PDB file of N, CA and C in Angstrom:
ATOM      1  N   MET A   1    -154.815 178.771   9.486  1.00  0.00           N
ATOM      2  CA  MET A   1    -153.991 177.614   9.590  1.00  0.00           C
ATOM      3  C   MET A   1    -154.573 176.751  10.762  1.00  0.00           C
ATOM      4  N   THR A   2    -154.692 175.464  10.530  1.00  0.00           N
ATOM      5  CA  THR A   2    -155.129 174.611  11.565  1.00  0.00           C
ATOM      6  C   THR A   2    -154.013 173.853  12.306  1.00  0.00           C
ATOM      7  N   ASP A   3    -154.287 173.430  13.501  1.00  0.00           N
ATOM      8  CA  ASP A   3    -153.262 172.673  14.245  1.00  0.00           C
ATOM      9  C   ASP A   3    -153.269 171.263  13.958  1.00  0.00           C
ATOM     10  N   GLY A   4    -153.988 170.830  13.005  1.00  0.00           N
ATOM     11  CA  GLY A   4    -154.045 169.369  12.644  1.00  0.00           C
ATOM     12  C   GLY A   4    -155.154 168.618  13.329  1.00  0.00           C
ATOM     13  N   SER A   5    -155.664 169.077  14.465  1.00  0.00           N
ATOM     14  CA  SER A   5    -156.746 168.394  15.149  1.00  0.00           C
ATOM     15  C   SER A   5    -157.997 168.428  14.420  1.00  0.00           C
ATOM     16  N   GLU A   6    -158.232 169.519  13.600  1.00  0.00           N
ATOM     17  CA  GLU A   6    -159.423 169.625  12.715  1.00  0.00           C
ATOM     18  C   GLU A   6    -159.401 168.565  11.681  1.00  0.00           C
ATOM     19  N   ASP A   7    -158.204 168.323  11.013  1.00  0.00           N
ATOM     20  CA  ASP A   7    -158.040 167.293  10.017  1.00  0.00           C
ATOM     21  C   ASP A   7    -158.197 165.939  10.659  1.00  0.00           C
ATOM     22  N   ARG A   8    -157.688 165.712  11.822  1.00  0.00           N
ATOM     23  CA  ARG A   8    -157.867 164.385  12.519  1.00  0.00           C
ATOM     24  C   ARG A   8    -159.344 164.130  12.796  1.00  0.00           C
ATOM     25  N   ASP A   9    -160.008 165.194  13.277  1.00  0.00           N
ATOM     26  CA  ASP A   9    -161.410 165.051  13.591  1.00  0.00           C
ATOM     27  C   ASP A   9    -162.253 164.765  12.324  1.00  0.00           C
ATOM     28  N   GLY A  10    -161.918 165.424  11.256  1.00  0.00           N
ATOM     29  CA  GLY A  10    -162.583 165.184   9.989  1.00  0.00           C
ATOM     30  C   GLY A  10    -162.341 163.680   9.488  1.00  0.00           C
ATOM     31  N   THR A  11    -161.054 163.314   9.626  1.00  0.00           N
ATOM     32  CA  THR A  11    -160.762 161.913   9.206  1.00  0.00           C
ATOM     33  C   THR A  11    -161.503 160.969  10.064  1.00  0.00           C
ATOM     34  N   ARG A  12    -161.561 161.171  11.337  1.00  0.00           N
ATOM     35  CA  ARG A  12    -162.262 160.219  12.209  1.00  0.00           C
ATOM     36  C   ARG A  12    -163.768 160.156  11.895  1.00  0.00           C
ATOM     37  N   ARG A  13    -164.310 161.387  11.579  1.00  0.00           N
ATOM     38  CA  ARG A  13    -165.731 161.420  11.238  1.00  0.00           C
ATOM     39  C   ARG A  13    -166.011 160.675   9.985  1.00  0.00           C
ATOM     40  N   GLU A  14    -165.196 160.871   8.888  1.00  0.00           N
ATOM     41  CA  GLU A  14    -165.426 160.201   7.600  1.00  0.00           C
ATOM     42  C   GLU A  14    -165.168 158.748   7.747  1.00  0.00           C
ATOM     43  N   PHE A  15    -164.172 158.319   8.555  1.00  0.00           N
ATOM     44  CA  PHE A  15    -163.930 156.906   8.758  1.00  0.00           C
ATOM     45  C   PHE A  15    -165.128 156.305   9.452  1.00  0.00           C
ATOM     46  N   GLY A  16    -165.731 156.930  10.504  1.00  0.00           N
ATOM     47  CA  GLY A  16    -166.884 156.456  11.145  1.00  0.00           C
ATOM     48  C   GLY A  16    -168.107 156.306  10.237  1.00  0.00           C
ATOM     49  N   GLU A  17    -168.145 157.161   9.238  1.00  0.00           N
ATOM     50  CA  GLU A  17    -169.244 157.084   8.279  1.00  0.00           C
ATOM     51  C   GLU A  17    -169.043 156.007   7.242  1.00  0.00           C
ATOM     52  N   ALA A  18    -167.799 155.761   6.828  1.00  0.00           N
ATOM     53  CA  ALA A  18    -167.494 154.747   5.897  1.00  0.00           C
ATOM     54  C   ALA A  18    -167.531 153.362   6.452  1.00  0.00           C
ATOM     55  N   VAL A  19    -167.043 153.214   7.642  1.00  0.00           N
ATOM     56  CA  VAL A  19    -167.058 151.882   8.312  1.00  0.00           C
ATOM     57  C   VAL A  19    -168.298 151.724   9.074  1.00  0.00           C
ATOM     58  N   ASN A  20    -169.178 150.929   8.505  1.00  0.00           N
ATOM     59  CA  ASN A  20    -170.490 150.796   9.230  1.00  0.00           C
ATOM     60  C   ASN A  20    -170.652 149.326   9.818  1.00  0.00           C
ATOM     61  N   MET A  21    -169.545 148.690  10.039  1.00  0.00           N
ATOM     62  CA  MET A  21    -169.537 147.352  10.713  1.00  0.00           C
ATOM     63  C   MET A  21    -168.855 147.575  12.072  1.00  0.00           C
ATOM     64  N   THR A  22    -169.397 146.883  12.991  1.00  0.00           N
ATOM     65  CA  THR A  22    -168.803 146.884  14.375  1.00  0.00           C
ATOM     66  C   THR A  22    -167.454 146.042  14.294  1.00  0.00           C
ATOM     67  N   PRO A  23    -166.574 146.241  15.277  1.00  0.00           N
ATOM     68  CA  PRO A  23    -165.381 145.332  15.351  1.00  0.00           C
ATOM     69  C   PRO A  23    -165.746 143.864  15.406  1.00  0.00           C
ATOM     70  N   LYS A  24    -166.826 143.550  16.128  1.00  0.00           N
ATOM     71  CA  LYS A  24    -167.249 142.153  16.330  1.00  0.00           C
ATOM     72  C   LYS A  24    -167.859 141.601  14.972  1.00  0.00           C
ATOM     73  N   GLN A  25    -168.612 142.494  14.272  1.00  0.00           N
ATOM     74  CA  GLN A  25    -169.109 141.981  12.908  1.00  0.00           C
ATOM     75  C   GLN A  25    -167.961 141.777  11.940  1.00  0.00           C
ATOM     76  N   LEU A  26    -167.072 142.744  11.899  1.00  0.00           N
ATOM     77  CA  LEU A  26    -165.959 142.622  11.025  1.00  0.00           C
ATOM     78  C   LEU A  26    -165.089 141.491  11.304  1.00  0.00           C
ATOM     79  N   GLU A  27    -164.799 141.215  12.532  1.00  0.00           N
ATOM     80  CA  GLU A  27    -163.959 140.067  13.060  1.00  0.00           C
ATOM     81  C   GLU A  27    -164.562 138.755  12.598  1.00  0.00           C
ATOM     82  N   LYS A  28    -165.913 138.618  12.781  1.00  0.00           N
ATOM     83  CA  LYS A  28    -166.560 137.392  12.356  1.00  0.00           C
ATOM     84  C   LYS A  28    -166.589 137.314  10.765  1.00  0.00           C
ATOM     85  N   TRP A  29    -166.754 138.383  10.136  1.00  0.00           N
ATOM     86  CA  TRP A  29    -166.821 138.370   8.650  1.00  0.00           C
ATOM     87  C   TRP A  29    -165.447 137.919   8.119  1.00  0.00           C
ATOM     88  N   LEU A  30    -164.315 138.380   8.710  1.00  0.00           N
ATOM     89  CA  LEU A  30    -162.958 138.094   8.262  1.00  0.00           C
ATOM     90  C   LEU A  30    -162.635 136.573   8.399  1.00  0.00           C
ATOM     91  N   THR A  31    -163.400 135.831   9.121  1.00  0.00           N
ATOM     92  CA  THR A  31    -163.199 134.402   9.301  1.00  0.00           C
ATOM     93  C   THR A  31    -163.813 133.565   8.178  1.00  0.00           C
ATOM     94  N   THR A  32    -164.672 134.243   7.354  1.00  0.00           N
ATOM     95  CA  THR A  32    -165.456 133.444   6.361  1.00  0.00           C
ATOM     96  C   THR A  32    -164.573 133.173   5.087  1.00  0.00           C
ATOM     97  N   ASP A  33    -164.986 132.075   4.384  1.00  0.00           N
ATOM     98  CA  ASP A  33    -164.296 131.734   3.137  1.00  0.00           C
ATOM     99  C   ASP A  33    -164.474 132.878   2.094  1.00  0.00           C
ATOM    100  N   GLU A  34    -165.668 133.516   2.047  1.00  0.00           N
ATOM    101  CA  GLU A  34    -165.958 134.577   1.082  1.00  0.00           C
ATOM    102  C   GLU A  34    -164.992 135.747   1.317  1.00  0.00           C
ATOM    103  N   SER A  35    -164.760 136.132   2.596  1.00  0.00           N
ATOM    104  CA  SER A  35    -163.888 137.208   2.866  1.00  0.00           C
ATOM    105  C   SER A  35    -162.508 136.848   2.442  1.00  0.00           C
ATOM    106  N   LYS A  36    -162.031 135.681   2.619  1.00  0.00           N
ATOM    107  CA  LYS A  36    -160.642 135.294   2.283  1.00  0.00           C
ATOM    108  C   LYS A  36    -160.410 135.109   0.813  1.00  0.00           C
ATOM    109  N   ARG A  37    -161.538 134.847   0.110  1.00  0.00           N
ATOM    110  CA  ARG A  37    -161.458 134.583  -1.285  1.00  0.00           C
ATOM    111  C   ARG A  37    -161.283 135.893  -2.194  1.00  0.00           C
ATOM    112  N   VAL A  38    -161.899 136.945  -1.779  1.00  0.00           N
ATOM    113  CA  VAL A  38    -161.949 138.167  -2.618  1.00  0.00           C
ATOM    114  C   VAL A  38    -160.808 139.103  -2.411  1.00  0.00           C
ATOM    115  N   GLY A  39    -160.587 139.954  -3.349  1.00  0.00           N
ATOM    116  CA  GLY A  39    -159.557 141.016  -3.168  1.00  0.00           C
ATOM    117  C   GLY A  39    -158.262 140.680  -3.847  1.00  0.00           C
ATOM    118  N   GLN A  40    -157.568 141.765  -4.003  1.00  0.00           N
ATOM    119  CA  GLN A  40    -156.182 141.726  -4.682  1.00  0.00           C
ATOM    120  C   GLN A  40    -155.162 141.153  -3.644  1.00  0.00           C
ATOM    121  N   LYS A  41    -154.513 140.124  -4.084  1.00  0.00           N
ATOM    122  CA  LYS A  41    -153.439 139.483  -3.238  1.00  0.00           C
ATOM    123  C   LYS A  41    -152.128 140.261  -3.443  1.00  0.00           C
ATOM    124  N   SER A  42    -151.396 140.475  -2.400  1.00  0.00           N
ATOM    125  CA  SER A  42    -150.187 141.291  -2.495  1.00  0.00           C
ATOM    126  C   SER A  42    -149.016 140.392  -2.162  1.00  0.00           C
ATOM    127  N   GLY A  43    -147.984 140.475  -2.884  1.00  0.00           N
ATOM    128  CA  GLY A  43    -146.739 139.735  -2.608  1.00  0.00           C
ATOM    129  C   GLY A  43    -146.890 138.217  -2.661  1.00  0.00           C
ATOM    130  N   SER A  44    -146.088 137.556  -1.898  1.00  0.00           N
ATOM    131  CA  SER A  44    -146.164 136.095  -1.895  1.00  0.00           C
ATOM    132  C   SER A  44    -147.192 135.525  -0.951  1.00  0.00           C
ATOM    133  N   GLY A  45    -147.742 136.409  -0.073  1.00  0.00           N
ATOM    134  CA  GLY A  45    -148.729 135.913   0.906  1.00  0.00           C
ATOM    135  C   GLY A  45    -150.122 135.802   0.228  1.00  0.00           C
ATOM    136  N   SER A  46    -150.927 134.983   0.815  1.00  0.00           N
ATOM    137  CA  SER A  46    -152.249 134.635   0.247  1.00  0.00           C
ATOM    138  C   SER A  46    -153.296 135.575   0.774  1.00  0.00           C
ATOM    139  N   GLU A  47    -152.982 136.479   1.694  1.00  0.00           N
ATOM    140  CA  GLU A  47    -153.991 137.331   2.207  1.00  0.00           C
ATOM    141  C   GLU A  47    -154.058 138.623   1.319  1.00  0.00           C
ATOM    142  N   SER A  48    -155.374 138.978   1.039  1.00  0.00           N
ATOM    143  CA  SER A  48    -155.576 140.083   0.186  1.00  0.00           C
ATOM    144  C   SER A  48    -155.313 141.420   0.934  1.00  0.00           C
ATOM    145  N   VAL A  49    -155.165 142.453   0.162  1.00  0.00           N
ATOM    146  CA  VAL A  49    -154.918 143.762   0.740  1.00  0.00           C
ATOM    147  C   VAL A  49    -156.108 144.231   1.720  1.00  0.00           C
ATOM    148  N   GLY A  50    -157.332 143.995   1.155  1.00  0.00           N
ATOM    149  CA  GLY A  50    -158.539 144.343   1.932  1.00  0.00           C
ATOM    150  C   GLY A  50    -158.693 143.530   3.173  1.00  0.00           C
ATOM    151  N   HIS A  51    -158.382 142.270   3.156  1.00  0.00           N
ATOM    152  CA  HIS A  51    -158.477 141.404   4.351  1.00  0.00           C
ATOM    153  C   HIS A  51    -157.504 141.868   5.437  1.00  0.00           C
ATOM    154  N   ARG A  52    -156.329 142.194   5.042  1.00  0.00           N
ATOM    155  CA  ARG A  52    -155.272 142.740   5.943  1.00  0.00           C
ATOM    156  C   ARG A  52    -155.810 144.068   6.485  1.00  0.00           C
ATOM    157  N   SER A  53    -156.362 144.910   5.659  1.00  0.00           N
ATOM    158  CA  SER A  53    -156.940 146.159   6.078  1.00  0.00           C
ATOM    159  C   SER A  53    -158.057 145.960   7.098  1.00  0.00           C
ATOM    160  N   GLY A  54    -158.858 144.955   6.860  1.00  0.00           N
ATOM    161  CA  GLY A  54    -159.947 144.714   7.764  1.00  0.00           C
ATOM    162  C   GLY A  54    -159.421 144.420   9.212  1.00  0.00           C
ATOM    163  N   ARG A  55    -158.399 143.694   9.334  1.00  0.00           N
ATOM    164  CA  ARG A  55    -157.770 143.413  10.543  1.00  0.00           C
ATOM    165  C   ARG A  55    -157.260 144.673  11.286  1.00  0.00           C
ATOM    166  N   ARG A  56    -156.712 145.587  10.496  1.00  0.00           N
ATOM    167  CA  ARG A  56    -156.230 146.845  11.013  1.00  0.00           C
ATOM    168  C   ARG A  56    -157.426 147.698  11.458  1.00  0.00           C
ATOM    169  N   ILE A  57    -158.469 147.653  10.640  1.00  0.00           N
ATOM    170  CA  ILE A  57    -159.664 148.444  10.984  1.00  0.00           C
ATOM    171  C   ILE A  57    -160.180 148.053  12.401  1.00  0.00           C
ATOM    172  N   ILE A  58    -160.182 146.737  12.653  1.00  0.00           N
ATOM    173  CA  ILE A  58    -160.665 146.263  13.985  1.00  0.00           C
ATOM    174  C   ILE A  58    -159.814 146.992  15.034  1.00  0.00           C
ATOM    175  N   ASP A  59    -158.481 146.930  14.844  1.00  0.00           N
ATOM    176  CA  ASP A  59    -157.684 147.494  15.840  1.00  0.00           C
ATOM    177  C   ASP A  59    -157.957 149.119  15.946  1.00  0.00           C
ATOM    178  N   LEU A  60    -158.141 149.683  14.840  1.00  0.00           N
ATOM    179  CA  LEU A  60    -158.408 151.198  14.813  1.00  0.00           C
ATOM    180  C   LEU A  60    -159.736 151.493  15.585  1.00  0.00           C
ATOM    181  N   LEU A  61    -160.700 150.631  15.347  1.00  0.00           N
ATOM    182  CA  LEU A  61    -162.016 150.856  16.046  1.00  0.00           C
ATOM    183  C   LEU A  61    -161.871 150.614  17.578  1.00  0.00           C
ATOM    184  N   ASN A  62    -160.948 149.871  17.952  1.00  0.00           N
ATOM    185  CA  ASN A  62    -160.725 149.552  19.354  1.00  0.00           C
ATOM    186  C   ASN A  62    -159.687 150.372  19.990  1.00  0.00           C
ATOM    187  N   THR A  63    -159.155 151.319  19.339  1.00  0.00           N
ATOM    188  CA  THR A  63    -158.141 152.259  19.861  1.00  0.00           C
ATOM    189  C   THR A  63    -158.778 153.626  20.239  1.00  0.00           C
ATOM    190  N   LYS A  64    -158.342 154.069  21.365  1.00  0.00           N
ATOM    191  CA  LYS A  64    -158.842 155.319  21.924  1.00  0.00           C
ATOM    192  C   LYS A  64    -158.210 156.510  20.998  1.00  0.00           C
ATOM    193  N   LYS A  65    -159.066 157.528  20.853  1.00  0.00           N
ATOM    194  CA  LYS A  65    -158.761 158.675  20.038  1.00  0.00           C
ATOM    195  C   LYS A  65    -157.329 159.201  20.366  1.00  0.00           C
ATOM    196  N   ASP A  66    -157.003 159.393  21.595  1.00  0.00           N
ATOM    197  CA  ASP A  66    -155.671 159.943  21.967  1.00  0.00           C
ATOM    198  C   ASP A  66    -154.497 158.990  21.692  1.00  0.00           C
ATOM    199  N   GLU A  67    -154.746 157.742  21.375  1.00  0.00           N
ATOM    200  CA  GLU A  67    -153.762 156.782  21.171  1.00  0.00           C
ATOM    201  C   GLU A  67    -153.531 156.557  19.677  1.00  0.00           C
ATOM    202  N   LEU A  68    -154.314 157.174  18.725  1.00  0.00           N
ATOM    203  CA  LEU A  68    -154.065 157.034  17.352  1.00  0.00           C
ATOM    204  C   LEU A  68    -152.885 157.769  16.824  1.00  0.00           C
ATOM    205  N   SER A  69    -152.093 157.053  16.008  1.00  0.00           N
ATOM    206  CA  SER A  69    -150.864 157.629  15.524  1.00  0.00           C
ATOM    207  C   SER A  69    -151.149 158.267  14.083  1.00  0.00           C
ATOM    208  N   ASP A  70    -150.108 158.913  13.550  1.00  0.00           N
ATOM    209  CA  ASP A  70    -150.213 159.473  12.240  1.00  0.00           C
ATOM    210  C   ASP A  70    -150.450 158.327  11.189  1.00  0.00           C
ATOM    211  N   ASP A  71    -149.792 157.164  11.415  1.00  0.00           N
ATOM    212  CA  ASP A  71    -150.035 156.083  10.494  1.00  0.00           C
ATOM    213  C   ASP A  71    -151.436 155.582  10.562  1.00  0.00           C
ATOM    214  N   ASP A  72    -152.034 155.562  11.759  1.00  0.00           N
ATOM    215  CA  ASP A  72    -153.418 155.226  11.907  1.00  0.00           C
ATOM    216  C   ASP A  72    -154.345 156.042  11.143  1.00  0.00           C
ATOM    217  N   TYR A  73    -154.082 157.415  11.204  1.00  0.00           N
ATOM    218  CA  TYR A  73    -154.905 158.284  10.474  1.00  0.00           C
ATOM    219  C   TYR A  73    -154.721 158.233   8.968  1.00  0.00           C
ATOM    220  N   ALA A  74    -153.546 157.891   8.563  1.00  0.00           N
ATOM    221  CA  ALA A  74    -153.260 157.664   7.136  1.00  0.00           C
ATOM    222  C   ALA A  74    -154.101 156.420   6.675  1.00  0.00           C
ATOM    223  N   HIS A  75    -154.118 155.405   7.509  1.00  0.00           N
ATOM    224  CA  HIS A  75    -154.912 154.158   7.085  1.00  0.00           C
ATOM    225  C   HIS A  75    -156.400 154.498   7.123  1.00  0.00           C
ATOM    226  N   MET A  76    -156.816 155.314   8.038  1.00  0.00           N
ATOM    227  CA  MET A  76    -158.236 155.677   8.024  1.00  0.00           C
ATOM    228  C   MET A  76    -158.573 156.460   6.769  1.00  0.00           C
ATOM    229  N   ARG A  77    -157.745 157.332   6.279  1.00  0.00           N
ATOM    230  CA  ARG A  77    -157.963 158.062   4.989  1.00  0.00           C
ATOM    231  C   ARG A  77    -157.962 157.079   3.867  1.00  0.00           C
ATOM    232  N   LYS A  78    -157.120 156.060   3.896  1.00  0.00           N
ATOM    233  CA  LYS A  78    -157.049 155.090   2.824  1.00  0.00           C
ATOM    234  C   LYS A  78    -158.408 154.247   2.736  1.00  0.00           C
ATOM    235  N   VAL A  79    -158.885 153.969   3.938  1.00  0.00           N
ATOM    236  CA  VAL A  79    -160.124 153.224   4.012  1.00  0.00           C
ATOM    237  C   VAL A  79    -161.274 154.056   3.439  1.00  0.00           C
ATOM    238  N   VAL A  80    -161.372 155.317   3.898  1.00  0.00           N
ATOM    239  CA  VAL A  80    -162.414 156.198   3.367  1.00  0.00           C
ATOM    240  C   VAL A  80    -162.383 156.357   1.872  1.00  0.00           C
ATOM    241  N   GLY A  81    -161.102 156.514   1.283  1.00  0.00           N
ATOM    242  CA  GLY A  81    -160.969 156.582  -0.188  1.00  0.00           C
ATOM    243  C   GLY A  81    -161.369 155.366  -0.911  1.00  0.00           C
ATOM    244  N   TYR A  82    -161.038 154.139  -0.303  1.00  0.00           N
ATOM    245  CA  TYR A  82    -161.371 152.911  -0.957  1.00  0.00           C
ATOM    246  C   TYR A  82    -162.872 152.757  -0.967  1.00  0.00           C
ATOM    247  N   VAL A  83    -163.561 152.973   0.131  1.00  0.00           N
ATOM    248  CA  VAL A  83    -164.998 152.725   0.270  1.00  0.00           C
ATOM    249  C   VAL A  83    -165.658 153.675  -0.690  1.00  0.00           C
ATOM    250  N   HIS A  84    -165.288 154.950  -0.797  1.00  0.00           N
ATOM    251  CA  HIS A  84    -165.941 155.922  -1.696  1.00  0.00           C
ATOM    252  C   HIS A  84    -165.753 155.492  -3.136  1.00  0.00           C
ATOM    253  N   ARG A  85    -164.543 155.062  -3.540  1.00  0.00           N
ATOM    254  CA  ARG A  85    -164.261 154.665  -4.954  1.00  0.00           C
ATOM    255  C   ARG A  85    -165.061 153.418  -5.286  1.00  0.00           C
ATOM    256  N   HIS A  86    -165.028 152.371  -4.408  1.00  0.00           N
ATOM    257  CA  HIS A  86    -165.650 151.142  -4.636  1.00  0.00           C
ATOM    258  C   HIS A  86    -167.168 151.233  -4.778  1.00  0.00           C
ATOM    259  N   ARG A  87    -167.699 152.077  -3.913  1.00  0.00           N
ATOM    260  CA  ARG A  87    -169.202 152.249  -3.933  1.00  0.00           C
ATOM    261  C   ARG A  87    -169.687 152.825  -5.246  1.00  0.00           C
ATOM    262  N   ARG A  88    -168.880 153.590  -5.832  1.00  0.00           N
ATOM    263  CA  ARG A  88    -169.223 154.206  -7.220  1.00  0.00           C
ATOM    264  C   ARG A  88    -169.223 153.086  -8.275  1.00  0.00           C
ATOM    265  N   GLN A  89    -168.623 151.985  -7.990  1.00  0.00           N
ATOM    266  CA  GLN A  89    -168.595 150.916  -8.982  1.00  0.00           C
ATOM    267  C   GLN A  89    -169.675 149.821  -8.791  1.00  0.00           C
ATOM    268  N   ARG A  90    -170.693 150.190  -8.042  1.00  0.00           N
ATOM    269  CA  ARG A  90    -171.796 149.272  -7.676  1.00  0.00           C
ATOM    270  C   ARG A  90    -172.334 148.551  -8.986  1.00  0.00           C
ATOM    271  N   PRO A  91    -172.377 147.269  -8.996  1.00  0.00           N
ATOM    272  CA  PRO A  91    -173.045 146.588 -10.135  1.00  0.00           C
ATOM    273  C   PRO A  91    -174.524 146.706 -10.046  1.00  0.00           C
ATOM    274  N   SER A  92    -175.185 146.452 -11.160  1.00  0.00           N
ATOM    275  CA  SER A  92    -176.648 146.512 -11.080  1.00  0.00           C
ATOM    276  C   SER A  92    -177.190 145.253 -10.569  1.00  0.00           C
ATOM    277  N   GLY A  93    -178.419 145.286 -10.137  1.00  0.00           N
ATOM    278  CA  GLY A  93    -179.082 144.189  -9.555  1.00  0.00           C
ATOM    279  C   GLY A  93    -178.768 143.959  -8.076  1.00  0.00           C
ATOM    280  N   ASP A  94    -179.146 142.732  -7.672  1.00  0.00           N
ATOM    281  CA  ASP A  94    -178.987 142.409  -6.206  1.00  0.00           C
ATOM    282  C   ASP A  94    -177.482 142.124  -5.977  1.00  0.00           C
ATOM    283  N   VAL A  95    -176.967 142.890  -4.997  1.00  0.00           N
ATOM    284  CA  VAL A  95    -175.550 142.696  -4.688  1.00  0.00           C
ATOM    285  C   VAL A  95    -175.251 141.861  -3.427  1.00  0.00           C
ATOM    286  N   THR A  96    -176.264 141.293  -2.872  1.00  0.00           N
ATOM    287  CA  THR A  96    -176.167 140.536  -1.635  1.00  0.00           C
ATOM    288  C   THR A  96    -175.013 139.560  -1.664  1.00  0.00           C
ATOM    289  N   ASP A  97    -174.937 138.739  -2.708  1.00  0.00           N
ATOM    290  CA  ASP A  97    -173.937 137.674  -2.738  1.00  0.00           C
ATOM    291  C   ASP A  97    -172.943 137.953  -3.853  1.00  0.00           C
ATOM    292  N   THR A  98    -172.304 139.119  -3.796  1.00  0.00           N
ATOM    293  CA  THR A  98    -171.355 139.512  -4.860  1.00  0.00           C
ATOM    294  C   THR A  98    -169.995 139.728  -4.337  1.00  0.00           C
ATOM    295  N   ASP A  99    -168.958 139.486  -5.169  1.00  0.00           N
ATOM    296  CA  ASP A  99    -167.631 139.875  -4.741  1.00  0.00           C
ATOM    297  C   ASP A  99    -167.491 141.307  -4.432  1.00  0.00           C
ATOM    298  N   TRP A 100    -168.251 142.128  -5.168  1.00  0.00           N
ATOM    299  CA  TRP A 100    -168.243 143.626  -4.869  1.00  0.00           C
ATOM    300  C   TRP A 100    -168.515 143.909  -3.426  1.00  0.00           C
ATOM    301  N   ARG A 101    -169.635 143.344  -2.957  1.00  0.00           N
ATOM    302  CA  ARG A 101    -170.019 143.532  -1.589  1.00  0.00           C
ATOM    303  C   ARG A 101    -169.001 142.919  -0.610  1.00  0.00           C
ATOM    304  N   TYR A 102    -168.566 141.756  -0.951  1.00  0.00           N
ATOM    305  CA  TYR A 102    -167.601 141.080  -0.028  1.00  0.00           C
ATOM    306  C   TYR A 102    -166.338 141.857   0.083  1.00  0.00           C
ATOM    307  N   SER A 103    -165.862 142.394  -1.016  1.00  0.00           N
ATOM    308  CA  SER A 103    -164.637 143.271  -0.909  1.00  0.00           C
ATOM    309  C   SER A 103    -164.860 144.482  -0.073  1.00  0.00           C
ATOM    310  N   LEU A 104    -165.948 145.117  -0.202  1.00  0.00           N
ATOM    311  CA  LEU A 104    -166.230 146.328   0.662  1.00  0.00           C
ATOM    312  C   LEU A 104    -166.316 145.824   2.117  1.00  0.00           C
ATOM    313  N   MET A 105    -166.951 144.719   2.370  1.00  0.00           N
ATOM    314  CA  MET A 105    -167.010 144.282   3.753  1.00  0.00           C
ATOM    315  C   MET A 105    -165.651 144.016   4.390  1.00  0.00           C
ATOM    316  N   ASN A 106    -164.724 143.578   3.608  1.00  0.00           N
ATOM    317  CA  ASN A 106    -163.331 143.418   4.077  1.00  0.00           C
ATOM    318  C   ASN A 106    -162.814 144.759   4.576  1.00  0.00           C
ATOM    319  N   TRP A 107    -163.289 145.849   3.974  1.00  0.00           N
ATOM    320  CA  TRP A 107    -162.851 147.219   4.359  1.00  0.00           C
ATOM    321  C   TRP A 107    -163.764 147.867   5.427  1.00  0.00           C
ATOM    322  N   GLY A 108    -164.687 147.001   5.978  1.00  0.00           N
ATOM    323  CA  GLY A 108    -165.528 147.438   7.065  1.00  0.00           C
ATOM    324  C   GLY A 108    -166.830 148.155   6.686  1.00  0.00           C
ATOM    325  N   HIS A 109    -167.141 148.074   5.341  1.00  0.00           N
ATOM    326  CA  HIS A 109    -168.406 148.682   4.882  1.00  0.00           C
ATOM    327  C   HIS A 109    -169.327 147.607   4.282  1.00  0.00           C
ATOM    328  N   ASP A 110    -170.467 147.471   4.882  1.00  0.00           N
ATOM    329  CA  ASP A 110    -171.467 146.537   4.306  1.00  0.00           C
ATOM    330  C   ASP A 110    -172.517 147.449   3.534  1.00  0.00           C
ATOM    331  N   PRO A 111    -172.487 147.367   2.284  1.00  0.00           N
ATOM    332  CA  PRO A 111    -173.445 148.175   1.499  1.00  0.00           C
ATOM    333  C   PRO A 111    -174.885 147.663   1.641  1.00  0.00           C
ATOM    334  N   ALA A 112    -175.114 146.526   2.183  1.00  0.00           N
ATOM    335  CA  ALA A 112    -176.425 145.985   2.396  1.00  0.00           C
ATOM    336  C   ALA A 112    -177.055 146.546   3.658  1.00  0.00           C
ATOM    337  N   LYS A 113    -176.358 147.287   4.397  1.00  0.00           N
ATOM    338  CA  LYS A 113    -176.916 147.935   5.664  1.00  0.00           C
ATOM    339  C   LYS A 113    -177.697 149.113   5.368  1.00  0.00           C
TER     340      LYS A 113
END
């Protein structure tokens, strides 16, 4: 039986592998029209789920390990799951200027890196 720190360490490692954009890169990306245009919109707001997640990812990347909450780790697992699922749906051809890539970038992963 583990004390939970092993799970948290694994989550942080997987999150670090899935999120390959720096906070500064992600923050700059989230200001673009392409970033705001893609993704599933939730509720009455115009912000997509991925765009909102991107803002949270910036916070997570800037948070010290000892200050991460259970909710933070849950979101990190959500990000890892999304990136893994979405990467398996890669379209054929050049993906540089595609909604597929833009959506992943909202979640902190640039497949062109």
